[in-house]
PDB file of all heavy atoms in Angstrom:
ATOM      1  N   PRO A   1      17.372 -17.188  26.397  1.00  0.00           N
ATOM      2  CA  PRO A   1      16.282 -18.155  26.617  1.00  0.00           C
ATOM      3  C   PRO A   1      15.439 -18.297  25.340  1.00  0.00           C
ATOM      4  O   PRO A   1      15.334 -17.350  24.552  1.00  0.00           O
ATOM      5  CB  PRO A   1      15.465 -17.547  27.755  1.00  0.00           C
ATOM      6  CG  PRO A   1      15.859 -16.124  27.826  1.00  0.00           C
ATOM      7  CD  PRO A   1      17.228 -15.997  27.226  1.00  0.00           C
ATOM      8  N   SER A   2      14.861 -19.465  25.138  1.00  0.00           N
ATOM      9  CA  SER A   2      14.188 -19.782  23.871  1.00  0.00           C
ATOM     10  C   SER A   2      12.984 -18.898  23.561  1.00  0.00           C
ATOM     11  O   SER A   2      12.548 -18.840  22.419  1.00  0.00           O
ATOM     12  CB  SER A   2      13.773 -21.245  23.854  1.00  0.00           C
ATOM     13  OG  SER A   2      12.843 -21.486  24.890  1.00  0.00           O
ATOM     14  N   ASN A   3      12.458 -18.197  24.552  1.00  0.00           N
ATOM     15  CA  ASN A   3      11.310 -17.326  24.313  1.00  0.00           C
ATOM     16  C   ASN A   3      11.699 -15.847  24.205  1.00  0.00           C
ATOM     17  O   ASN A   3      10.836 -14.981  24.225  1.00  0.00           O
ATOM     18  CB  ASN A   3      10.266 -17.520  25.418  1.00  0.00           C
ATOM     19  CG  ASN A   3      10.809 -17.159  26.789  1.00  0.00           C
ATOM     20  OD1 ASN A   3      12.020 -17.026  26.987  1.00  0.00           O
ATOM     21  ND2 ASN A   3       9.921 -17.009  27.748  1.00  0.00           N
ATOM     22  N   HIS A   4      12.979 -15.575  24.091  1.00  0.00           N
ATOM     23  CA  HIS A   4      13.444 -14.185  24.007  1.00  0.00           C
ATOM     24  C   HIS A   4      12.964 -13.549  22.696  1.00  0.00           C
ATOM     25  O   HIS A   4      13.005 -14.183  21.644  1.00  0.00           O
ATOM     26  CB  HIS A   4      14.978 -14.151  24.078  1.00  0.00           C
ATOM     27  CG  HIS A   4      15.525 -12.789  24.321  1.00  0.00           C
ATOM     28  ND1 HIS A   4      15.631 -11.846  23.323  1.00  0.00           N
ATOM     29  CD2 HIS A   4      15.987 -12.198  25.450  1.00  0.00           C
ATOM     30  CE1 HIS A   4      16.141 -10.743  23.824  1.00  0.00           C
ATOM     31  NE2 HIS A   4      16.369 -10.933  25.111  1.00  0.00           N
ATOM     32  N   PRO A   5      12.542 -12.291  22.748  1.00  0.00           N
ATOM     33  CA  PRO A   5      12.044 -11.625  21.538  1.00  0.00           C
ATOM     34  C   PRO A   5      13.046 -11.550  20.382  1.00  0.00           C
ATOM     35  O   PRO A   5      12.636 -11.455  19.227  1.00  0.00           O
ATOM     36  CB  PRO A   5      11.685 -10.210  22.013  1.00  0.00           C
ATOM     37  CG  PRO A   5      11.570 -10.298  23.480  1.00  0.00           C
ATOM     38  CD  PRO A   5      12.391 -11.460  23.939  1.00  0.00           C
ATOM     39  N   ASP A   6      14.335 -11.616  20.675  1.00  0.00           N
ATOM     40  CA  ASP A   6      15.323 -11.595  19.588  1.00  0.00           C
ATOM     41  C   ASP A   6      15.183 -12.800  18.672  1.00  0.00           C
ATOM     42  O   ASP A   6      15.558 -12.730  17.494  1.00  0.00           O
ATOM     43  CB  ASP A   6      16.746 -11.517  20.138  1.00  0.00           C
ATOM     44  CG  ASP A   6      17.105 -10.126  20.633  1.00  0.00           C
ATOM     45  OD1 ASP A   6      16.260  -9.209  20.528  1.00  0.00           O
ATOM     46  OD2 ASP A   6      18.231  -9.959  21.146  1.00  0.00           O
ATOM     47  N   PHE A   7      14.647 -13.905  19.192  1.00  0.00           N
ATOM     48  CA  PHE A   7      14.399 -15.064  18.323  1.00  0.00           C
ATOM     49  C   PHE A   7      13.341 -14.721  17.284  1.00  0.00           C
ATOM     50  O   PHE A   7      13.433 -15.152  16.132  1.00  0.00           O
ATOM     51  CB  PHE A   7      13.968 -16.294  19.135  1.00  0.00           C
ATOM     52  CG  PHE A   7      15.115 -17.018  19.755  1.00  0.00           C
ATOM     53  CD1 PHE A   7      15.410 -16.837  21.091  1.00  0.00           C
ATOM     54  CD2 PHE A   7      15.911 -17.865  19.015  1.00  0.00           C
ATOM     55  CE1 PHE A   7      16.473 -17.488  21.679  1.00  0.00           C
ATOM     56  CE2 PHE A   7      16.983 -18.528  19.584  1.00  0.00           C
ATOM     57  CZ  PHE A   7      17.272 -18.338  20.924  1.00  0.00           C
ATOM     58  N   ALA A   8      12.339 -13.958  17.683  1.00  0.00           N
ATOM     59  CA  ALA A   8      11.315 -13.539  16.732  1.00  0.00           C
ATOM     60  C   ALA A   8      11.949 -12.730  15.604  1.00  0.00           C
ATOM     61  O   ALA A   8      11.603 -12.901  14.434  1.00  0.00           O
ATOM     62  CB  ALA A   8      10.225 -12.747  17.437  1.00  0.00           C
ATOM     63  N   THR A   9      12.898 -11.875  15.958  1.00  0.00           N
ATOM     64  CA  THR A   9      13.601 -11.094  14.941  1.00  0.00           C
ATOM     65  C   THR A   9      14.341 -12.008  13.982  1.00  0.00           C
ATOM     66  O   THR A   9      14.248 -11.849  12.757  1.00  0.00           O
ATOM     67  CB  THR A   9      14.585 -10.107  15.610  1.00  0.00           C
ATOM     68  OG1 THR A   9      13.842  -9.235  16.464  1.00  0.00           O
ATOM     69  CG2 THR A   9      15.363  -9.308  14.590  1.00  0.00           C
ATOM     70  N   SER A  10      15.072 -12.981  14.519  1.00  0.00           N
ATOM     71  CA  SER A  10      15.809 -13.914  13.662  1.00  0.00           C
ATOM     72  C   SER A  10      14.872 -14.684  12.742  1.00  0.00           C
ATOM     73  O   SER A  10      15.091 -14.760  11.530  1.00  0.00           O
ATOM     74  CB  SER A  10      16.614 -14.908  14.509  1.00  0.00           C
ATOM     75  OG  SER A  10      17.756 -14.305  15.036  1.00  0.00           O
ATOM     76  N   TYR A  11      13.836 -15.262  13.326  1.00  0.00           N
ATOM     77  CA  TYR A  11      12.903 -16.056  12.520  1.00  0.00           C
ATOM     78  C   TYR A  11      12.209 -15.191  11.470  1.00  0.00           C
ATOM     79  O   TYR A  11      12.021 -15.618  10.323  1.00  0.00           O
ATOM     80  CB  TYR A  11      11.869 -16.736  13.410  1.00  0.00           C
ATOM     81  CG  TYR A  11      12.433 -17.783  14.332  1.00  0.00           C
ATOM     82  CD1 TYR A  11      11.935 -17.928  15.616  1.00  0.00           C
ATOM     83  CD2 TYR A  11      13.460 -18.630  13.932  1.00  0.00           C
ATOM     84  CE1 TYR A  11      12.443 -18.894  16.481  1.00  0.00           C
ATOM     85  CE2 TYR A  11      13.979 -19.590  14.788  1.00  0.00           C
ATOM     86  CZ  TYR A  11      13.465 -19.721  16.058  1.00  0.00           C
ATOM     87  OH  TYR A  11      13.966 -20.676  16.909  1.00  0.00           O
ATOM     88  N   ASN A  12      11.844 -13.991  11.843  1.00  0.00           N
ATOM     89  CA  ASN A  12      11.181 -13.096  10.906  1.00  0.00           C
ATOM     90  C   ASN A  12      12.104 -12.743   9.739  1.00  0.00           C
ATOM     91  O   ASN A  12      11.688 -12.758   8.578  1.00  0.00           O
ATOM     92  CB  ASN A  12      10.730 -11.830  11.634  1.00  0.00           C
ATOM     93  CG  ASN A  12       9.839 -10.981  10.791  1.00  0.00           C
ATOM     94  OD1 ASN A  12       8.802 -11.439  10.320  1.00  0.00           O
ATOM     95  ND2 ASN A  12      10.230  -9.747  10.577  1.00  0.00           N
ATOM     96  N   ASN A  13      13.358 -12.448  10.051  1.00  0.00           N
ATOM     97  CA  ASN A  13      14.294 -12.086   8.990  1.00  0.00           C
ATOM     98  C   ASN A  13      14.574 -13.259   8.051  1.00  0.00           C
ATOM     99  O   ASN A  13      14.658 -13.074   6.837  1.00  0.00           O
ATOM    100  CB  ASN A  13      15.592 -11.548   9.589  1.00  0.00           C
ATOM    101  CG  ASN A  13      15.404 -10.184  10.206  1.00  0.00           C
ATOM    102  OD1 ASN A  13      14.438  -9.488   9.932  1.00  0.00           O
ATOM    103  ND2 ASN A  13      16.329  -9.796  11.059  1.00  0.00           N
ATOM    104  N   ILE A  14      14.706 -14.444   8.605  1.00  0.00           N
ATOM    105  CA  ILE A  14      14.896 -15.630   7.762  1.00  0.00           C
ATOM    106  C   ILE A  14      13.648 -15.837   6.905  1.00  0.00           C
ATOM    107  O   ILE A  14      13.737 -16.159   5.713  1.00  0.00           O
ATOM    108  CB  ILE A  14      15.232 -16.861   8.624  1.00  0.00           C
ATOM    109  CG1 ILE A  14      16.623 -16.691   9.262  1.00  0.00           C
ATOM    110  CG2 ILE A  14      15.168 -18.143   7.790  1.00  0.00           C
ATOM    111  CD1 ILE A  14      16.958 -17.705  10.339  1.00  0.00           C
ATOM    112  N   GLY A  15      12.478 -15.620   7.509  1.00  0.00           N
ATOM    113  CA  GLY A  15      11.232 -15.706   6.741  1.00  0.00           C
ATOM    114  C   GLY A  15      11.209 -14.726   5.586  1.00  0.00           C
ATOM    115  O   GLY A  15      10.760 -15.069   4.482  1.00  0.00           O
ATOM    116  N   HIS A  16      11.693 -13.504   5.810  1.00  0.00           N
ATOM    117  CA  HIS A  16      11.747 -12.505   4.735  1.00  0.00           C
ATOM    118  C   HIS A  16      12.598 -13.000   3.566  1.00  0.00           C
ATOM    119  O   HIS A  16      12.242 -12.793   2.408  1.00  0.00           O
ATOM    120  CB  HIS A  16      12.327 -11.181   5.235  1.00  0.00           C
ATOM    121  CG  HIS A  16      11.382 -10.327   6.004  1.00  0.00           C
ATOM    122  ND1 HIS A  16      10.050 -10.189   5.711  1.00  0.00           N
ATOM    123  CD2 HIS A  16      11.598  -9.522   7.076  1.00  0.00           C
ATOM    124  CE1 HIS A  16       9.484  -9.355   6.560  1.00  0.00           C
ATOM    125  NE2 HIS A  16      10.403  -8.937   7.415  1.00  0.00           N
ATOM    126  N   VAL A  17      13.722 -13.630   3.877  1.00  0.00           N
ATOM    127  CA  VAL A  17      14.593 -14.129   2.809  1.00  0.00           C
ATOM    128  C   VAL A  17      13.859 -15.190   1.987  1.00  0.00           C
ATOM    129  O   VAL A  17      13.842 -15.123   0.754  1.00  0.00           O
ATOM    130  CB  VAL A  17      15.921 -14.693   3.370  1.00  0.00           C
ATOM    131  CG1 VAL A  17      16.717 -15.385   2.264  1.00  0.00           C
ATOM    132  CG2 VAL A  17      16.744 -13.589   3.997  1.00  0.00           C
ATOM    133  N   TYR A  18      13.243 -16.152   2.678  1.00  0.00           N
ATOM    134  CA  TYR A  18      12.519 -17.184   1.936  1.00  0.00           C
ATOM    135  C   TYR A  18      11.350 -16.594   1.157  1.00  0.00           C
ATOM    136  O   TYR A  18      11.072 -17.025   0.034  1.00  0.00           O
ATOM    137  CB  TYR A  18      12.061 -18.296   2.879  1.00  0.00           C
ATOM    138  CG  TYR A  18      13.194 -19.210   3.284  1.00  0.00           C
ATOM    139  CD1 TYR A  18      13.597 -19.319   4.604  1.00  0.00           C
ATOM    140  CD2 TYR A  18      13.878 -19.960   2.327  1.00  0.00           C
ATOM    141  CE1 TYR A  18      14.642 -20.152   4.970  1.00  0.00           C
ATOM    142  CE2 TYR A  18      14.932 -20.792   2.682  1.00  0.00           C
ATOM    143  CZ  TYR A  18      15.310 -20.881   4.000  1.00  0.00           C
ATOM    144  OH  TYR A  18      16.349 -21.706   4.347  1.00  0.00           O
ATOM    145  N   HIS A  19      10.696 -15.584   1.722  1.00  0.00           N
ATOM    146  CA  HIS A  19       9.620 -14.893   1.017  1.00  0.00           C
ATOM    147  C   HIS A  19      10.173 -14.259  -0.258  1.00  0.00           C
ATOM    148  O   HIS A  19       9.604 -14.422  -1.345  1.00  0.00           O
ATOM    149  CB  HIS A  19       9.018 -13.837   1.934  1.00  0.00           C
ATOM    150  CG  HIS A  19       7.801 -13.164   1.393  1.00  0.00           C
ATOM    151  ND1 HIS A  19       7.102 -12.251   2.111  1.00  0.00           N
ATOM    152  CD2 HIS A  19       7.151 -13.241   0.207  1.00  0.00           C
ATOM    153  CE1 HIS A  19       6.076 -11.807   1.409  1.00  0.00           C
ATOM    154  NE2 HIS A  19       6.099 -12.398   0.240  1.00  0.00           N
ATOM    155  N   ASN A  20      11.294 -13.546  -0.141  1.00  0.00           N
ATOM    156  CA  ASN A  20      11.917 -12.913  -1.310  1.00  0.00           C
ATOM    157  C   ASN A  20      12.344 -13.933  -2.358  1.00  0.00           C
ATOM    158  O   ASN A  20      12.330 -13.634  -3.552  1.00  0.00           O
ATOM    159  CB  ASN A  20      13.127 -12.077  -0.898  1.00  0.00           C
ATOM    160  CG  ASN A  20      12.784 -10.851  -0.075  1.00  0.00           C
ATOM    161  OD1 ASN A  20      13.537 -10.468   0.822  1.00  0.00           O
ATOM    162  ND2 ASN A  20      11.652 -10.232  -0.328  1.00  0.00           N
ATOM    163  N   MET A  21      12.720 -15.120  -1.900  1.00  0.00           N
ATOM    164  CA  MET A  21      13.148 -16.177  -2.812  1.00  0.00           C
ATOM    165  C   MET A  21      11.960 -16.924  -3.427  1.00  0.00           C
ATOM    166  O   MET A  21      12.156 -17.748  -4.317  1.00  0.00           O
ATOM    167  CB  MET A  21      14.050 -17.171  -2.064  1.00  0.00           C
ATOM    168  CG  MET A  21      15.380 -16.581  -1.646  1.00  0.00           C
ATOM    169  SD  MET A  21      16.306 -17.653  -0.513  1.00  0.00           S
ATOM    170  CE  MET A  21      16.585 -19.096  -1.508  1.00  0.00           C
ATOM    171  N   GLY A  22      10.753 -16.663  -2.923  1.00  0.00           N
ATOM    172  CA  GLY A  22       9.571 -17.348  -3.438  1.00  0.00           C
ATOM    173  C   GLY A  22       9.321 -18.702  -2.812  1.00  0.00           C
ATOM    174  O   GLY A  22       8.466 -19.450  -3.283  1.00  0.00           O
ATOM    175  N   ASP A  23      10.055 -19.031  -1.762  1.00  0.00           N
ATOM    176  CA  ASP A  23       9.841 -20.295  -1.048  1.00  0.00           C
ATOM    177  C   ASP A  23       8.844 -20.026   0.081  1.00  0.00           C
ATOM    178  O   ASP A  23       9.215 -19.819   1.237  1.00  0.00           O
ATOM    179  CB  ASP A  23      11.162 -20.835  -0.497  1.00  0.00           C
ATOM    180  CG  ASP A  23      11.050 -22.245   0.068  1.00  0.00           C
ATOM    181  OD1 ASP A  23       9.924 -22.677   0.393  1.00  0.00           O
ATOM    182  OD2 ASP A  23      12.098 -22.907   0.200  1.00  0.00           O
ATOM    183  N   TYR A  24       7.569 -20.023  -0.288  1.00  0.00           N
ATOM    184  CA  TYR A  24       6.529 -19.569   0.632  1.00  0.00           C
ATOM    185  C   TYR A  24       6.306 -20.516   1.805  1.00  0.00           C
ATOM    186  O   TYR A  24       6.003 -20.062   2.910  1.00  0.00           O
ATOM    187  CB  TYR A  24       5.232 -19.314  -0.127  1.00  0.00           C
ATOM    188  CG  TYR A  24       5.394 -18.281  -1.211  1.00  0.00           C
ATOM    189  CD1 TYR A  24       4.948 -18.520  -2.501  1.00  0.00           C
ATOM    190  CD2 TYR A  24       6.014 -17.060  -0.948  1.00  0.00           C
ATOM    191  CE1 TYR A  24       5.102 -17.563  -3.500  1.00  0.00           C
ATOM    192  CE2 TYR A  24       6.184 -16.108  -1.940  1.00  0.00           C
ATOM    193  CZ  TYR A  24       5.719 -16.363  -3.218  1.00  0.00           C
ATOM    194  OH  TYR A  24       5.879 -15.427  -4.190  1.00  0.00           O
ATOM    195  N   SER A  25       6.473 -21.810   1.596  1.00  0.00           N
ATOM    196  CA  SER A  25       6.268 -22.733   2.719  1.00  0.00           C
ATOM    197  C   SER A  25       7.345 -22.531   3.782  1.00  0.00           C
ATOM    198  O   SER A  25       7.055 -22.545   4.982  1.00  0.00           O
ATOM    199  CB  SER A  25       6.215 -24.187   2.251  1.00  0.00           C
ATOM    200  OG  SER A  25       7.426 -24.554   1.637  1.00  0.00           O
ATOM    201  N   LYS A  26       8.593 -22.299   3.373  1.00  0.00           N
ATOM    202  CA  LYS A  26       9.660 -22.022   4.341  1.00  0.00           C
ATOM    203  C   LYS A  26       9.445 -20.666   5.001  1.00  0.00           C
ATOM    204  O   LYS A  26       9.642 -20.505   6.203  1.00  0.00           O
ATOM    205  CB  LYS A  26      11.033 -22.030   3.666  1.00  0.00           C
ATOM    206  CG  LYS A  26      11.616 -23.405   3.445  1.00  0.00           C
ATOM    207  CD  LYS A  26      11.940 -24.058   4.741  1.00  0.00           C
ATOM    208  CE  LYS A  26      13.391 -24.358   4.865  1.00  0.00           C
ATOM    209  NZ  LYS A  26      13.667 -25.234   6.013  1.00  0.00           N
ATOM    210  N   ALA A  27       9.033 -19.688   4.220  1.00  0.00           N
ATOM    211  CA  ALA A  27       8.761 -18.359   4.785  1.00  0.00           C
ATOM    212  C   ALA A  27       7.666 -18.463   5.840  1.00  0.00           C
ATOM    213  O   ALA A  27       7.798 -17.906   6.938  1.00  0.00           O
ATOM    214  CB  ALA A  27       8.343 -17.394   3.683  1.00  0.00           C
ATOM    215  N   LEU A  28       6.613 -19.203   5.527  1.00  0.00           N
ATOM    216  CA  LEU A  28       5.510 -19.361   6.471  1.00  0.00           C
ATOM    217  C   LEU A  28       5.978 -20.026   7.754  1.00  0.00           C
ATOM    218  O   LEU A  28       5.615 -19.595   8.857  1.00  0.00           O
ATOM    219  CB  LEU A  28       4.386 -20.176   5.827  1.00  0.00           C
ATOM    220  CG  LEU A  28       3.121 -20.350   6.632  1.00  0.00           C
ATOM    221  CD1 LEU A  28       2.486 -19.007   6.943  1.00  0.00           C
ATOM    222  CD2 LEU A  28       2.141 -21.246   5.875  1.00  0.00           C
ATOM    223  N   GLU A  29       6.804 -21.039   7.629  1.00  0.00           N
ATOM    224  CA  GLU A  29       7.343 -21.735   8.795  1.00  0.00           C
ATOM    225  C   GLU A  29       8.054 -20.756   9.740  1.00  0.00           C
ATOM    226  O   GLU A  29       7.815 -20.750  10.953  1.00  0.00           O
ATOM    227  CB  GLU A  29       8.320 -22.820   8.329  1.00  0.00           C
ATOM    228  CG  GLU A  29       9.075 -23.531   9.413  1.00  0.00           C
ATOM    229  CD  GLU A  29      10.177 -24.434   8.861  1.00  0.00           C
ATOM    230  OE1 GLU A  29      10.102 -24.859   7.685  1.00  0.00           O
ATOM    231  OE2 GLU A  29      11.125 -24.705   9.621  1.00  0.00           O
ATOM    232  N   PHE A  30       8.896 -19.911   9.184  1.00  0.00           N
ATOM    233  CA  PHE A  30       9.659 -18.982  10.013  1.00  0.00           C
ATOM    234  C   PHE A  30       8.807 -17.819  10.513  1.00  0.00           C
ATOM    235  O   PHE A  30       8.961 -17.382  11.648  1.00  0.00           O
ATOM    236  CB  PHE A  30      10.909 -18.496   9.276  1.00  0.00           C
ATOM    237  CG  PHE A  30      11.996 -19.529   9.268  1.00  0.00           C
ATOM    238  CD1 PHE A  30      12.155 -20.386   8.189  1.00  0.00           C
ATOM    239  CD2 PHE A  30      12.833 -19.680  10.362  1.00  0.00           C
ATOM    240  CE1 PHE A  30      13.144 -21.363   8.192  1.00  0.00           C
ATOM    241  CE2 PHE A  30      13.827 -20.654  10.374  1.00  0.00           C
ATOM    242  CZ  PHE A  30      13.979 -21.493   9.285  1.00  0.00           C
ATOM    243  N   TYR A  31       7.905 -17.323   9.681  1.00  0.00           N
ATOM    244  CA  TYR A  31       7.002 -16.261  10.135  1.00  0.00           C
ATOM    245  C   TYR A  31       6.129 -16.744  11.289  1.00  0.00           C
ATOM    246  O   TYR A  31       5.875 -15.995  12.237  1.00  0.00           O
ATOM    247  CB  TYR A  31       6.104 -15.785   9.000  1.00  0.00           C
ATOM    248  CG  TYR A  31       6.741 -14.857   7.994  1.00  0.00           C
ATOM    249  CD1 TYR A  31       6.176 -14.712   6.728  1.00  0.00           C
ATOM    250  CD2 TYR A  31       7.876 -14.099   8.280  1.00  0.00           C
ATOM    251  CE1 TYR A  31       6.719 -13.852   5.793  1.00  0.00           C
ATOM    252  CE2 TYR A  31       8.428 -13.247   7.347  1.00  0.00           C
ATOM    253  CZ  TYR A  31       7.843 -13.124   6.098  1.00  0.00           C
ATOM    254  OH  TYR A  31       8.387 -12.266   5.175  1.00  0.00           O
TER     255      TYR A  31
END
């Protein structure tokens, strides 16, 4: 289901990648 906590894990991890890449607007979106 779309509100499952595992989605938070996915979005957070994708945010970490964009953060590491310096793409802060994308990181913020996912965080």
